[in-house]
Each structure stands twice: as C-alpha cells, then as structure tokens.
Amino acid sequence: MLNRVPHILVYSRIVIGLVCVLFAWQGEDFRVWIFALMITELLTDIFDGIIARRLGISTVSLRKLDSIVDRFFWLMIFASCYVLYPLYTASIVPWVCVILSCEAVVFMVSWLRFRKGPSPHNLISKVWGISVAVAFSVIILSGSSQIAFQIMVALAMLSRLDSILIYALLPAWDHDIPSFYHANLIRKGKSITRNKLFNG
C-alpha cells in the first residue's frame, strides 16, 4: 500500500485541477479556495518524487506520468484564470502559446534523436515550476500579474532551452539530467553527480 502513495499523489492533482475549474465557475468568492488547492498541488508535486525515491520506486514511467499530470494541472489553472478573468487571461494567451511551442520543440528533439519523449527534470525546471505557482497565485488572487508573469515566461524560455540542449548533447536517452552542462559531461564520457533530493 505504501508503494502506491506516489501514484495517489500524482493522480490527486488531476482531481485538484478539475475542482479548481469548478470553483472558478462559482465566481471570485472562491479565489482563496483555488489558491489553497494550488498550494496543496505544489506540496504533492514535491513529496511524490521524494517519497518515490525513498521507497526505491522512482521509475521512468512514474516521472513521465508526473510531468504529464503537471501539465494537465496547470492547464486547468489557466482555464480557471480564464473563467475568472477572461480579458486579462486572453491577453497572456500568446505567451502561453510560445511556452507550449517551446515545449513541443523539446519533445521533437528528444523524439527525433531517441524515439522517446523527454524527461529531463532539470534543476532550472524546478525553479520555473515555483515561478509558475507564484505567477498564477498572483493572477488568481488579484486578477492580473505583471512582474511575476514576466519572470515566469523568462524562466520558461531558459528551462526549455536547457532541455533542448540536454537532448541535443546526450549520446543516449537519459532522464533526470540536472542541466545541459551535465549532459555535455555525459557526452564526454564523464560521470555526473545528481542531487538526491531533486534527481534520481
């Protein structure tokens, strides 16, 4: 039963995301509840990987599932923002499309080289994940975001560039690569040190 905890935490984010959209339909009075659920999601996202590594069940398939569910959750949060604040959210759609396009490029590079989807879990993507939570928290609670959203977009570009370089440099498909610098070390036949807390 204990081994199922990481999967339960991952799948719980699907439910949390859908509940956030439902709350958004109820109006701005539910903003705080959506914010609370976002914090809950962030905690589950942190602890599912830590628990999985502690239990020795941090598999590639679990990491990929985690990444897919994360994307679904944040799309639900974006949908929640649109329901609450359609005019502001429509104004940031082009930037969201740019981020998704960069994500598609990462996938293409990994797929064309290795016939596998990417799973870098690089360190800058962790920082980007935090910036996403901050930016959308500001939007949910206040109806708009300038600095926080701009920082999030900048970090999104950097994290996707790092991921593209990782899968361009790796001689063979791999996962949990801290950065493109580490991918280059692997390319040169050198060993790398992974952070036990954030990387397998």
N, C-alpha and C. Protein backbone atom coordinates (compact mmCIF):
# COMPACT_ATOMS: atom_id res chain seq x y z
N MET A 1 0.83 -1.21 0.00
CA MET A 1 0.00 0.00 0.00
C MET A 1 0.86 1.26 0.00
N LEU A 2 1.94 1.22 0.78
CA LEU A 2 2.81 2.39 0.87
C LEU A 2 3.40 2.74 -0.49
N ASN A 3 3.69 1.71 -1.30
CA ASN A 3 4.28 1.95 -2.62
C ASN A 3 3.32 2.67 -3.58
N ARG A 4 2.04 2.69 -3.23
CA ARG A 4 1.06 3.34 -4.10
C ARG A 4 0.91 4.83 -3.79
N VAL A 5 1.50 5.27 -2.69
CA VAL A 5 1.36 6.66 -2.27
C VAL A 5 1.81 7.65 -3.35
N PRO A 6 3.00 7.48 -3.97
CA PRO A 6 3.41 8.43 -5.01
C PRO A 6 2.41 8.52 -6.16
N HIS A 7 1.85 7.37 -6.59
CA HIS A 7 0.87 7.39 -7.67
C HIS A 7 -0.41 8.10 -7.23
N ILE A 8 -0.82 7.86 -6.00
CA ILE A 8 -2.02 8.52 -5.48
C ILE A 8 -1.83 10.04 -5.47
N LEU A 9 -0.63 10.48 -5.04
CA LEU A 9 -0.35 11.91 -5.00
C LEU A 9 -0.36 12.51 -6.40
N VAL A 10 0.20 11.77 -7.37
CA VAL A 10 0.22 12.26 -8.76
C VAL A 10 -1.21 12.39 -9.29
N TYR A 11 -2.00 11.33 -9.16
CA TYR A 11 -3.36 11.34 -9.70
C TYR A 11 -4.26 12.33 -8.97
N SER A 12 -3.92 12.63 -7.71
CA SER A 12 -4.74 13.58 -6.96
C SER A 12 -4.71 14.96 -7.62
N ARG A 13 -3.63 15.26 -8.34
CA ARG A 13 -3.52 16.57 -8.98
C ARG A 13 -4.51 16.72 -10.14
N ILE A 14 -4.90 15.62 -10.75
CA ILE A 14 -5.94 15.68 -11.78
C ILE A 14 -7.25 16.13 -11.15
N VAL A 15 -7.58 15.51 -10.02
CA VAL A 15 -8.81 15.86 -9.31
C VAL A 15 -8.75 17.31 -8.83
N ILE A 16 -7.60 17.70 -8.26
CA ILE A 16 -7.45 19.07 -7.75
C ILE A 16 -7.63 20.08 -8.89
N GLY A 17 -7.04 19.81 -10.04
CA GLY A 17 -7.16 20.72 -11.17
C GLY A 17 -8.60 20.89 -11.62
N LEU A 18 -9.34 19.80 -11.70
CA LEU A 18 -10.75 19.87 -12.12
C LEU A 18 -11.59 20.61 -11.08
N VAL A 19 -11.29 20.39 -9.80
CA VAL A 19 -12.02 21.09 -8.74
C VAL A 19 -11.75 22.60 -8.81
N CYS A 20 -10.52 22.97 -9.15
CA CYS A 20 -10.19 24.39 -9.29
C CYS A 20 -11.05 25.06 -10.35
N VAL A 21 -11.24 24.37 -11.47
CA VAL A 21 -12.09 24.91 -12.55
C VAL A 21 -13.53 25.04 -12.06
N LEU A 22 -14.01 24.04 -11.34
CA LEU A 22 -15.37 24.09 -10.80
C LEU A 22 -15.54 25.26 -9.84
N PHE A 23 -14.53 25.47 -9.00
CA PHE A 23 -14.58 26.61 -8.07
C PHE A 23 -14.58 27.93 -8.83
N ALA A 24 -13.79 27.99 -9.91
CA ALA A 24 -13.72 29.23 -10.69
C ALA A 24 -15.09 29.59 -11.26
N TRP A 25 -15.85 28.57 -11.65
CA TRP A 25 -17.19 28.82 -12.20
C TRP A 25 -18.12 29.40 -11.14
N GLN A 26 -17.78 29.21 -9.86
CA GLN A 26 -18.62 29.74 -8.79
C GLN A 26 -18.37 31.22 -8.53
N GLY A 27 -17.30 31.76 -9.13
CA GLY A 27 -17.04 33.19 -9.01
C GLY A 27 -15.83 33.52 -8.16
N GLU A 28 -15.55 34.81 -8.06
CA GLU A 28 -14.33 35.28 -7.39
C GLU A 28 -14.32 35.00 -5.89
N ASP A 29 -15.47 34.72 -5.31
CA ASP A 29 -15.51 34.40 -3.88
C ASP A 29 -14.73 33.13 -3.56
N PHE A 30 -14.47 32.32 -4.59
CA PHE A 30 -13.77 31.06 -4.38
C PHE A 30 -12.27 31.16 -4.71
N ARG A 31 -11.78 32.38 -4.91
CA ARG A 31 -10.36 32.56 -5.26
C ARG A 31 -9.43 31.96 -4.21
N VAL A 32 -9.74 32.19 -2.94
CA VAL A 32 -8.86 31.70 -1.87
C VAL A 32 -8.83 30.18 -1.87
N TRP A 33 -9.97 29.55 -2.15
CA TRP A 33 -10.00 28.09 -2.21
C TRP A 33 -9.13 27.57 -3.35
N ILE A 34 -9.19 28.23 -4.48
CA ILE A 34 -8.34 27.81 -5.61
C ILE A 34 -6.87 27.97 -5.25
N PHE A 35 -6.54 29.09 -4.61
CA PHE A 35 -5.17 29.32 -4.16
C PHE A 35 -4.72 28.22 -3.19
N ALA A 36 -5.58 27.86 -2.25
CA ALA A 36 -5.25 26.80 -1.29
C ALA A 36 -5.02 25.47 -1.99
N LEU A 37 -5.81 25.18 -3.01
CA LEU A 37 -5.63 23.94 -3.76
C LEU A 37 -4.34 23.97 -4.56
N MET A 38 -3.95 25.14 -5.05
CA MET A 38 -2.67 25.26 -5.76
C MET A 38 -1.50 24.95 -4.84
N ILE A 39 -1.57 25.44 -3.60
CA ILE A 39 -0.52 25.14 -2.62
C ILE A 39 -0.50 23.65 -2.32
N THR A 40 -1.68 23.05 -2.22
CA THR A 40 -1.78 21.60 -2.00
C THR A 40 -1.12 20.85 -3.14
N GLU A 41 -1.41 21.31 -4.37
CA GLU A 41 -0.80 20.67 -5.55
C GLU A 41 0.71 20.76 -5.50
N LEU A 42 1.21 21.93 -5.12
CA LEU A 42 2.66 22.13 -5.07
C LEU A 42 3.30 21.17 -4.07
N LEU A 43 2.64 20.96 -2.95
CA LEU A 43 3.16 20.05 -1.93
C LEU A 43 3.15 18.60 -2.43
N THR A 44 2.06 18.21 -3.10
CA THR A 44 2.01 16.84 -3.63
C THR A 44 3.08 16.63 -4.70
N ASP A 45 3.34 17.68 -5.49
CA ASP A 45 4.35 17.59 -6.54
C ASP A 45 5.76 17.44 -5.95
N ILE A 46 5.98 18.07 -4.81
CA ILE A 46 7.28 17.96 -4.15
C ILE A 46 7.45 16.58 -3.52
N PHE A 47 6.42 16.15 -2.81
CA PHE A 47 6.57 14.95 -1.99
C PHE A 47 6.39 13.65 -2.76
N ASP A 48 5.70 13.66 -3.91
CA ASP A 48 5.56 12.39 -4.63
C ASP A 48 6.91 11.86 -5.09
N GLY A 49 7.76 12.78 -5.59
CA GLY A 49 9.09 12.35 -6.03
C GLY A 49 9.99 11.95 -4.88
N ILE A 50 9.93 12.73 -3.79
CA ILE A 50 10.77 12.41 -2.62
C ILE A 50 10.39 11.05 -2.05
N ILE A 51 9.08 10.81 -1.90
CA ILE A 51 8.61 9.53 -1.35
C ILE A 51 8.98 8.38 -2.28
N ALA A 52 8.80 8.60 -3.60
CA ALA A 52 9.12 7.54 -4.56
C ALA A 52 10.60 7.17 -4.50
N ARG A 53 11.47 8.19 -4.36
CA ARG A 53 12.90 7.90 -4.27
C ARG A 53 13.25 7.19 -2.97
N ARG A 54 12.59 7.59 -1.88
CA ARG A 54 12.83 6.94 -0.59
C ARG A 54 12.41 5.47 -0.62
N LEU A 55 11.31 5.19 -1.35
CA LEU A 55 10.81 3.82 -1.44
C LEU A 55 11.51 3.01 -2.52
N GLY A 56 12.34 3.68 -3.34
CA GLY A 56 13.05 2.99 -4.41
C GLY A 56 12.17 2.63 -5.58
N ILE A 57 11.09 3.39 -5.80
CA ILE A 57 10.18 3.10 -6.90
C ILE A 57 10.08 4.28 -7.87
N SER A 58 11.11 5.11 -7.89
CA SER A 58 11.10 6.28 -8.77
C SER A 58 11.49 5.85 -10.18
N THR A 59 10.51 5.30 -10.91
CA THR A 59 10.76 4.77 -12.24
C THR A 59 10.62 5.86 -13.31
N VAL A 60 11.11 5.55 -14.50
CA VAL A 60 10.97 6.48 -15.62
C VAL A 60 9.50 6.71 -15.94
N SER A 61 8.70 5.65 -15.90
CA SER A 61 7.27 5.79 -16.22
C SER A 61 6.56 6.69 -15.21
N LEU A 62 6.95 6.60 -13.94
CA LEU A 62 6.35 7.46 -12.92
C LEU A 62 6.74 8.92 -13.15
N ARG A 63 8.00 9.14 -13.54
CA ARG A 63 8.44 10.51 -13.81
C ARG A 63 7.68 11.10 -15.00
N LYS A 64 7.50 10.29 -16.03
CA LYS A 64 6.78 10.77 -17.21
C LYS A 64 5.32 11.08 -16.86
N LEU A 65 4.71 10.18 -16.07
CA LEU A 65 3.34 10.41 -15.62
C LEU A 65 3.25 11.70 -14.83
N ASP A 66 4.21 11.93 -13.95
CA ASP A 66 4.27 13.13 -13.14
C ASP A 66 4.30 14.38 -14.02
N SER A 67 5.13 14.35 -15.06
CA SER A 67 5.26 15.50 -15.97
C SER A 67 3.96 15.76 -16.72
N ILE A 68 3.31 14.69 -17.20
CA ILE A 68 2.06 14.83 -17.95
C ILE A 68 0.97 15.41 -17.06
N VAL A 69 0.86 14.89 -15.84
CA VAL A 69 -0.17 15.37 -14.91
C VAL A 69 0.09 16.82 -14.52
N ASP A 70 1.37 17.18 -14.34
CA ASP A 70 1.70 18.57 -14.03
C ASP A 70 1.19 19.51 -15.11
N ARG A 71 1.42 19.14 -16.36
CA ARG A 71 0.97 19.98 -17.47
C ARG A 71 -0.56 20.09 -17.47
N PHE A 72 -1.23 18.98 -17.23
CA PHE A 72 -2.69 19.00 -17.17
C PHE A 72 -3.17 19.92 -16.06
N PHE A 73 -2.54 19.82 -14.89
CA PHE A 73 -2.97 20.64 -13.76
C PHE A 73 -2.86 22.12 -14.08
N TRP A 74 -1.71 22.53 -14.63
CA TRP A 74 -1.51 23.95 -14.87
C TRP A 74 -2.39 24.46 -16.01
N LEU A 75 -2.75 23.59 -16.94
CA LEU A 75 -3.72 23.98 -17.96
C LEU A 75 -5.09 24.21 -17.32
N MET A 76 -5.41 23.41 -16.29
CA MET A 76 -6.67 23.60 -15.56
C MET A 76 -6.64 24.92 -14.78
N ILE A 77 -5.48 25.26 -14.24
CA ILE A 77 -5.36 26.54 -13.53
C ILE A 77 -5.49 27.69 -14.52
N PHE A 78 -4.90 27.53 -15.70
CA PHE A 78 -5.06 28.56 -16.74
C PHE A 78 -6.53 28.71 -17.12
N ALA A 79 -7.22 27.57 -17.23
CA ALA A 79 -8.65 27.61 -17.54
C ALA A 79 -9.42 28.31 -16.42
N SER A 80 -9.00 28.06 -15.18
CA SER A 80 -9.64 28.72 -14.04
C SER A 80 -9.45 30.23 -14.11
N CYS A 81 -8.25 30.65 -14.48
CA CYS A 81 -7.97 32.08 -14.64
C CYS A 81 -8.85 32.69 -15.73
N TYR A 82 -9.03 31.94 -16.81
CA TYR A 82 -9.85 32.44 -17.91
C TYR A 82 -11.30 32.60 -17.48
N VAL A 83 -11.78 31.64 -16.70
CA VAL A 83 -13.17 31.72 -16.22
C VAL A 83 -13.34 32.94 -15.32
N LEU A 84 -12.35 33.18 -14.45
CA LEU A 84 -12.44 34.29 -13.50
C LEU A 84 -12.17 35.64 -14.16
N TYR A 85 -11.13 35.68 -14.99
CA TYR A 85 -10.68 36.96 -15.57
C TYR A 85 -10.43 36.80 -17.07
N PRO A 86 -11.48 36.67 -17.86
CA PRO A 86 -11.33 36.37 -19.30
C PRO A 86 -10.51 37.41 -20.06
N LEU A 87 -10.69 38.70 -19.77
CA LEU A 87 -9.98 39.73 -20.53
C LEU A 87 -8.48 39.67 -20.28
N TYR A 88 -8.08 39.61 -19.01
CA TYR A 88 -6.64 39.55 -18.72
C TYR A 88 -6.04 38.25 -19.24
N THR A 89 -6.71 37.15 -19.00
CA THR A 89 -6.17 35.85 -19.42
C THR A 89 -6.01 35.79 -20.93
N ALA A 90 -6.95 36.37 -21.67
CA ALA A 90 -6.84 36.40 -23.13
C ALA A 90 -5.60 37.17 -23.56
N SER A 91 -5.21 38.16 -22.78
CA SER A 91 -4.04 38.98 -23.14
C SER A 91 -2.73 38.22 -23.00
N ILE A 92 -2.70 37.17 -22.19
CA ILE A 92 -1.45 36.41 -22.00
C ILE A 92 -1.43 35.11 -22.79
N VAL A 93 -2.51 34.86 -23.54
CA VAL A 93 -2.57 33.63 -24.35
C VAL A 93 -1.37 33.51 -25.30
N PRO A 94 -0.96 34.59 -26.00
CA PRO A 94 0.19 34.46 -26.91
C PRO A 94 1.45 33.95 -26.21
N TRP A 95 1.70 34.42 -24.99
CA TRP A 95 2.88 33.96 -24.26
C TRP A 95 2.75 32.50 -23.84
N VAL A 96 1.54 32.10 -23.48
CA VAL A 96 1.31 30.69 -23.14
C VAL A 96 1.55 29.82 -24.37
N CYS A 97 1.12 30.30 -25.53
CA CYS A 97 1.35 29.56 -26.78
C CYS A 97 2.83 29.44 -27.09
N VAL A 98 3.60 30.49 -26.80
CA VAL A 98 5.05 30.46 -27.01
C VAL A 98 5.68 29.39 -26.12
N ILE A 99 5.26 29.34 -24.86
CA ILE A 99 5.79 28.34 -23.93
C ILE A 99 5.46 26.93 -24.41
N LEU A 100 4.21 26.72 -24.84
CA LEU A 100 3.80 25.40 -25.33
C LEU A 100 4.56 25.03 -26.60
N SER A 101 4.85 26.01 -27.45
CA SER A 101 5.62 25.75 -28.67
C SER A 101 7.04 25.32 -28.33
N CYS A 102 7.64 25.98 -27.34
CA CYS A 102 8.99 25.60 -26.90
C CYS A 102 8.97 24.19 -26.31
N GLU A 103 7.89 23.87 -25.59
CA GLU A 103 7.73 22.52 -25.04
C GLU A 103 7.69 21.50 -26.18
N ALA A 104 7.00 21.85 -27.25
CA ALA A 104 6.90 20.95 -28.40
C ALA A 104 8.27 20.74 -29.05
N VAL A 105 9.09 21.79 -29.08
CA VAL A 105 10.44 21.67 -29.65
C VAL A 105 11.28 20.70 -28.82
N VAL A 106 11.16 20.80 -27.49
CA VAL A 106 11.89 19.87 -26.61
C VAL A 106 11.50 18.44 -26.94
N PHE A 107 10.19 18.21 -27.08
CA PHE A 107 9.70 16.86 -27.39
C PHE A 107 10.24 16.39 -28.74
N MET A 108 10.22 17.28 -29.74
CA MET A 108 10.68 16.90 -31.08
C MET A 108 12.15 16.51 -31.08
N VAL A 109 12.98 17.29 -30.37
CA VAL A 109 14.41 17.00 -30.33
C VAL A 109 14.65 15.62 -29.70
N SER A 110 13.98 15.36 -28.58
CA SER A 110 14.14 14.07 -27.91
C SER A 110 13.61 12.93 -28.77
N TRP A 111 12.46 13.14 -29.41
CA TRP A 111 11.86 12.08 -30.21
C TRP A 111 12.66 11.80 -31.48
N LEU A 112 13.13 12.85 -32.15
CA LEU A 112 13.88 12.66 -33.38
C LEU A 112 15.22 11.96 -33.13
N ARG A 113 15.82 12.25 -31.98
CA ARG A 113 17.12 11.65 -31.67
C ARG A 113 17.01 10.26 -31.07
N PHE A 114 16.00 10.06 -30.20
CA PHE A 114 15.97 8.81 -29.44
C PHE A 114 14.66 8.04 -29.53
N ARG A 115 13.67 8.58 -30.26
CA ARG A 115 12.35 7.95 -30.35
C ARG A 115 11.72 7.78 -28.96
N LYS A 116 12.01 8.72 -28.09
CA LYS A 116 11.43 8.75 -26.75
C LYS A 116 11.09 10.18 -26.38
N GLY A 117 10.05 10.33 -25.59
CA GLY A 117 9.71 11.65 -25.09
C GLY A 117 10.71 12.09 -24.04
N PRO A 118 10.83 13.40 -23.82
CA PRO A 118 11.80 13.92 -22.86
C PRO A 118 11.35 13.73 -21.41
N SER A 119 12.33 13.60 -20.54
CA SER A 119 12.06 13.57 -19.10
C SER A 119 13.31 14.09 -18.37
N PRO A 120 13.71 15.34 -18.68
CA PRO A 120 14.98 15.84 -18.13
C PRO A 120 14.94 16.13 -16.63
N HIS A 121 13.80 16.64 -16.15
CA HIS A 121 13.68 17.03 -14.73
C HIS A 121 14.90 17.84 -14.31
N ASN A 122 15.32 18.75 -15.19
CA ASN A 122 16.48 19.59 -14.90
C ASN A 122 16.18 20.59 -13.79
N LEU A 123 17.23 21.05 -13.16
CA LEU A 123 17.06 21.89 -11.97
C LEU A 123 16.35 23.20 -12.27
N ILE A 124 16.65 23.80 -13.44
CA ILE A 124 16.01 25.08 -13.75
C ILE A 124 14.50 24.92 -13.95
N SER A 125 14.08 23.71 -14.35
CA SER A 125 12.65 23.49 -14.49
C SER A 125 11.96 23.47 -13.13
N LYS A 126 12.71 23.09 -12.08
CA LYS A 126 12.15 23.14 -10.73
C LYS A 126 11.90 24.60 -10.33
N VAL A 127 12.88 25.44 -10.66
CA VAL A 127 12.74 26.87 -10.36
C VAL A 127 11.57 27.45 -11.16
N TRP A 128 11.47 27.04 -12.43
CA TRP A 128 10.37 27.51 -13.26
C TRP A 128 9.03 27.08 -12.67
N GLY A 129 8.95 25.85 -12.16
CA GLY A 129 7.72 25.37 -11.56
C GLY A 129 7.27 26.24 -10.40
N ILE A 130 8.23 26.69 -9.59
CA ILE A 130 7.91 27.58 -8.48
C ILE A 130 7.39 28.92 -9.02
N SER A 131 8.04 29.42 -10.09
CA SER A 131 7.62 30.71 -10.66
C SER A 131 6.22 30.62 -11.24
N VAL A 132 5.86 29.45 -11.79
CA VAL A 132 4.50 29.25 -12.31
C VAL A 132 3.49 29.36 -11.18
N ALA A 133 3.80 28.69 -10.06
CA ALA A 133 2.90 28.73 -8.90
C ALA A 133 2.73 30.16 -8.39
N VAL A 134 3.84 30.91 -8.34
CA VAL A 134 3.77 32.30 -7.86
C VAL A 134 2.95 33.16 -8.81
N ALA A 135 3.25 33.05 -10.12
CA ALA A 135 2.55 33.89 -11.10
C ALA A 135 1.05 33.63 -11.10
N PHE A 136 0.66 32.37 -11.11
CA PHE A 136 -0.77 32.07 -11.15
C PHE A 136 -1.45 32.36 -9.82
N SER A 137 -0.70 32.27 -8.73
CA SER A 137 -1.27 32.67 -7.44
C SER A 137 -1.63 34.14 -7.45
N VAL A 138 -0.72 34.97 -8.00
CA VAL A 138 -0.97 36.41 -8.09
C VAL A 138 -2.18 36.67 -8.99
N ILE A 139 -2.26 35.96 -10.11
CA ILE A 139 -3.39 36.16 -11.03
C ILE A 139 -4.70 35.75 -10.36
N ILE A 140 -4.71 34.58 -9.73
CA ILE A 140 -5.93 34.10 -9.09
C ILE A 140 -6.41 35.06 -8.01
N LEU A 141 -5.49 35.57 -7.21
CA LEU A 141 -5.87 36.39 -6.07
C LEU A 141 -6.15 37.85 -6.42
N SER A 142 -5.48 38.35 -7.49
CA SER A 142 -5.62 39.78 -7.79
C SER A 142 -6.23 40.09 -9.15
N GLY A 143 -6.27 39.11 -10.04
CA GLY A 143 -6.87 39.34 -11.35
C GLY A 143 -5.89 39.71 -12.44
N SER A 144 -4.61 39.92 -12.09
CA SER A 144 -3.59 40.22 -13.10
C SER A 144 -2.21 40.00 -12.48
N SER A 145 -1.22 39.99 -13.36
CA SER A 145 0.16 39.82 -12.88
C SER A 145 1.09 40.38 -13.93
N GLN A 146 2.01 41.22 -13.52
CA GLN A 146 2.97 41.77 -14.47
C GLN A 146 4.35 41.17 -14.25
N ILE A 147 4.99 41.57 -13.16
CA ILE A 147 6.37 41.13 -12.92
C ILE A 147 6.45 39.62 -12.74
N ALA A 148 5.56 39.06 -11.92
CA ALA A 148 5.62 37.62 -11.65
C ALA A 148 5.42 36.81 -12.93
N PHE A 149 4.49 37.25 -13.78
CA PHE A 149 4.25 36.51 -15.02
C PHE A 149 5.42 36.65 -15.98
N GLN A 150 6.01 37.83 -16.06
CA GLN A 150 7.16 38.04 -16.94
C GLN A 150 8.35 37.19 -16.50
N ILE A 151 8.56 37.11 -15.20
CA ILE A 151 9.65 36.26 -14.68
C ILE A 151 9.37 34.80 -15.03
N MET A 152 8.12 34.39 -14.91
CA MET A 152 7.75 33.02 -15.24
C MET A 152 8.03 32.69 -16.70
N VAL A 153 7.68 33.63 -17.59
CA VAL A 153 7.91 33.42 -19.02
C VAL A 153 9.41 33.32 -19.31
N ALA A 154 10.20 34.21 -18.70
CA ALA A 154 11.66 34.18 -18.91
C ALA A 154 12.26 32.86 -18.45
N LEU A 155 11.83 32.39 -17.28
CA LEU A 155 12.34 31.12 -16.77
C LEU A 155 11.86 29.94 -17.63
N ALA A 156 10.66 30.07 -18.20
CA ALA A 156 10.16 29.03 -19.11
C ALA A 156 11.07 28.91 -20.32
N MET A 157 11.46 30.05 -20.89
CA MET A 157 12.35 30.04 -22.05
C MET A 157 13.70 29.41 -21.71
N LEU A 158 14.24 29.80 -20.56
CA LEU A 158 15.54 29.27 -20.14
C LEU A 158 15.48 27.77 -19.87
N SER A 159 14.41 27.33 -19.22
CA SER A 159 14.31 25.90 -18.89
C SER A 159 14.12 25.07 -20.14
N ARG A 160 13.35 25.58 -21.11
CA ARG A 160 13.16 24.83 -22.37
C ARG A 160 14.44 24.81 -23.19
N LEU A 161 15.17 25.93 -23.20
CA LEU A 161 16.46 25.96 -23.90
C LEU A 161 17.42 24.96 -23.28
N ASP A 162 17.43 24.91 -21.95
CA ASP A 162 18.28 23.95 -21.25
C ASP A 162 17.89 22.52 -21.62
N SER A 163 16.60 22.24 -21.68
CA SER A 163 16.12 20.90 -22.03
C SER A 163 16.47 20.53 -23.46
N ILE A 164 16.34 21.51 -24.37
CA ILE A 164 16.70 21.26 -25.78
C ILE A 164 18.18 20.91 -25.89
N LEU A 165 19.03 21.66 -25.20
CA LEU A 165 20.46 21.39 -25.23
C LEU A 165 20.79 20.04 -24.61
N ILE A 166 20.07 19.69 -23.55
CA ILE A 166 20.29 18.39 -22.91
C ILE A 166 20.10 17.26 -23.91
N TYR A 167 18.96 17.28 -24.62
CA TYR A 167 18.67 16.18 -25.55
C TYR A 167 19.40 16.31 -26.88
N ALA A 168 19.97 17.48 -27.13
CA ALA A 168 20.84 17.62 -28.29
C ALA A 168 22.24 17.08 -27.99
N LEU A 169 22.65 17.15 -26.73
CA LEU A 169 24.01 16.76 -26.35
C LEU A 169 24.13 15.30 -25.90
N LEU A 170 23.09 14.75 -25.29
CA LEU A 170 23.18 13.39 -24.75
C LEU A 170 23.50 12.39 -25.86
N PRO A 171 24.45 11.49 -25.62
CA PRO A 171 24.76 10.46 -26.63
C PRO A 171 23.70 9.36 -26.66
N ALA A 172 22.99 9.18 -25.56
CA ALA A 172 21.91 8.20 -25.48
C ALA A 172 20.83 8.78 -24.57
N TRP A 173 19.59 8.34 -24.78
CA TRP A 173 18.50 8.90 -23.99
C TRP A 173 18.71 8.66 -22.50
N ASP A 174 18.42 9.66 -21.72
CA ASP A 174 18.55 9.54 -20.27
C ASP A 174 17.53 10.49 -19.62
N HIS A 175 17.41 10.38 -18.34
CA HIS A 175 16.44 11.22 -17.62
C HIS A 175 17.10 11.78 -16.37
N ASP A 176 16.42 12.76 -15.76
CA ASP A 176 16.92 13.39 -14.54
C ASP A 176 18.34 13.94 -14.73
N ILE A 177 18.50 14.77 -15.75
CA ILE A 177 19.78 15.41 -16.02
C ILE A 177 19.73 16.83 -15.46
N PRO A 178 20.59 17.18 -14.50
CA PRO A 178 20.49 18.48 -13.83
C PRO A 178 20.55 19.69 -14.76
N SER A 179 21.37 19.62 -15.83
CA SER A 179 21.50 20.76 -16.74
C SER A 179 22.20 20.32 -18.01
N PHE A 180 22.26 21.22 -18.99
CA PHE A 180 22.95 20.88 -20.25
C PHE A 180 24.45 20.70 -20.00
N TYR A 181 24.98 21.38 -18.97
CA TYR A 181 26.38 21.20 -18.62
C TYR A 181 26.65 19.74 -18.24
N HIS A 182 25.74 19.16 -17.47
CA HIS A 182 25.89 17.77 -17.08
C HIS A 182 25.70 16.83 -18.27
N ALA A 183 24.80 17.21 -19.21
CA ALA A 183 24.62 16.41 -20.42
C ALA A 183 25.90 16.41 -21.25
N ASN A 184 26.59 17.53 -21.28
CA ASN A 184 27.85 17.62 -22.01
C ASN A 184 28.93 16.75 -21.36
N LEU A 185 28.90 16.69 -20.02
CA LEU A 185 29.85 15.82 -19.33
C LEU A 185 29.59 14.35 -19.69
N ILE A 186 28.32 13.99 -19.73
CA ILE A 186 27.97 12.62 -20.12
C ILE A 186 28.42 12.35 -21.55
N ARG A 187 28.25 13.31 -22.42
CA ARG A 187 28.67 13.18 -23.81
C ARG A 187 30.18 12.91 -23.91
N LYS A 188 30.93 13.50 -22.97
CA LYS A 188 32.38 13.31 -22.95
C LYS A 188 32.80 12.05 -22.21
N GLY A 189 31.82 11.28 -21.75
CA GLY A 189 32.13 10.04 -21.07
C GLY A 189 32.43 10.19 -19.60
N LYS A 190 32.08 11.33 -19.03
CA LYS A 190 32.36 11.57 -17.62
C LYS A 190 31.11 11.30 -16.78
N SER A 191 31.32 10.97 -15.53
CA SER A 191 30.20 10.73 -14.63
C SER A 191 29.70 12.06 -14.06
N ILE A 192 28.44 12.08 -13.67
CA ILE A 192 27.88 13.29 -13.09
C ILE A 192 27.28 12.96 -11.72
N THR A 193 27.13 14.00 -10.92
CA THR A 193 26.52 13.84 -9.60
C THR A 193 25.12 14.42 -9.66
N ARG A 194 24.13 13.60 -9.30
CA ARG A 194 22.75 14.05 -9.26
C ARG A 194 22.36 14.37 -7.83
N ASN A 195 21.54 15.40 -7.70
CA ASN A 195 21.03 15.77 -6.39
C ASN A 195 20.01 14.73 -5.94
N LYS A 196 20.22 14.10 -4.80
CA LYS A 196 19.35 13.02 -4.35
C LYS A 196 17.96 13.51 -4.03
N LEU A 197 17.82 14.79 -3.71
CA LEU A 197 16.51 15.33 -3.36
C LEU A 197 15.69 15.61 -4.60
N PHE A 198 16.34 16.12 -5.65
CA PHE A 198 15.59 16.55 -6.84
C PHE A 198 15.76 15.63 -8.05
N ASN A 199 16.83 14.86 -8.09
CA ASN A 199 17.08 13.97 -9.21
C ASN A 199 17.33 12.55 -8.70
N GLY A 200 16.96 11.56 -9.51
CA GLY A 200 17.10 10.19 -9.07
C GLY A 200 18.53 9.75 -8.94
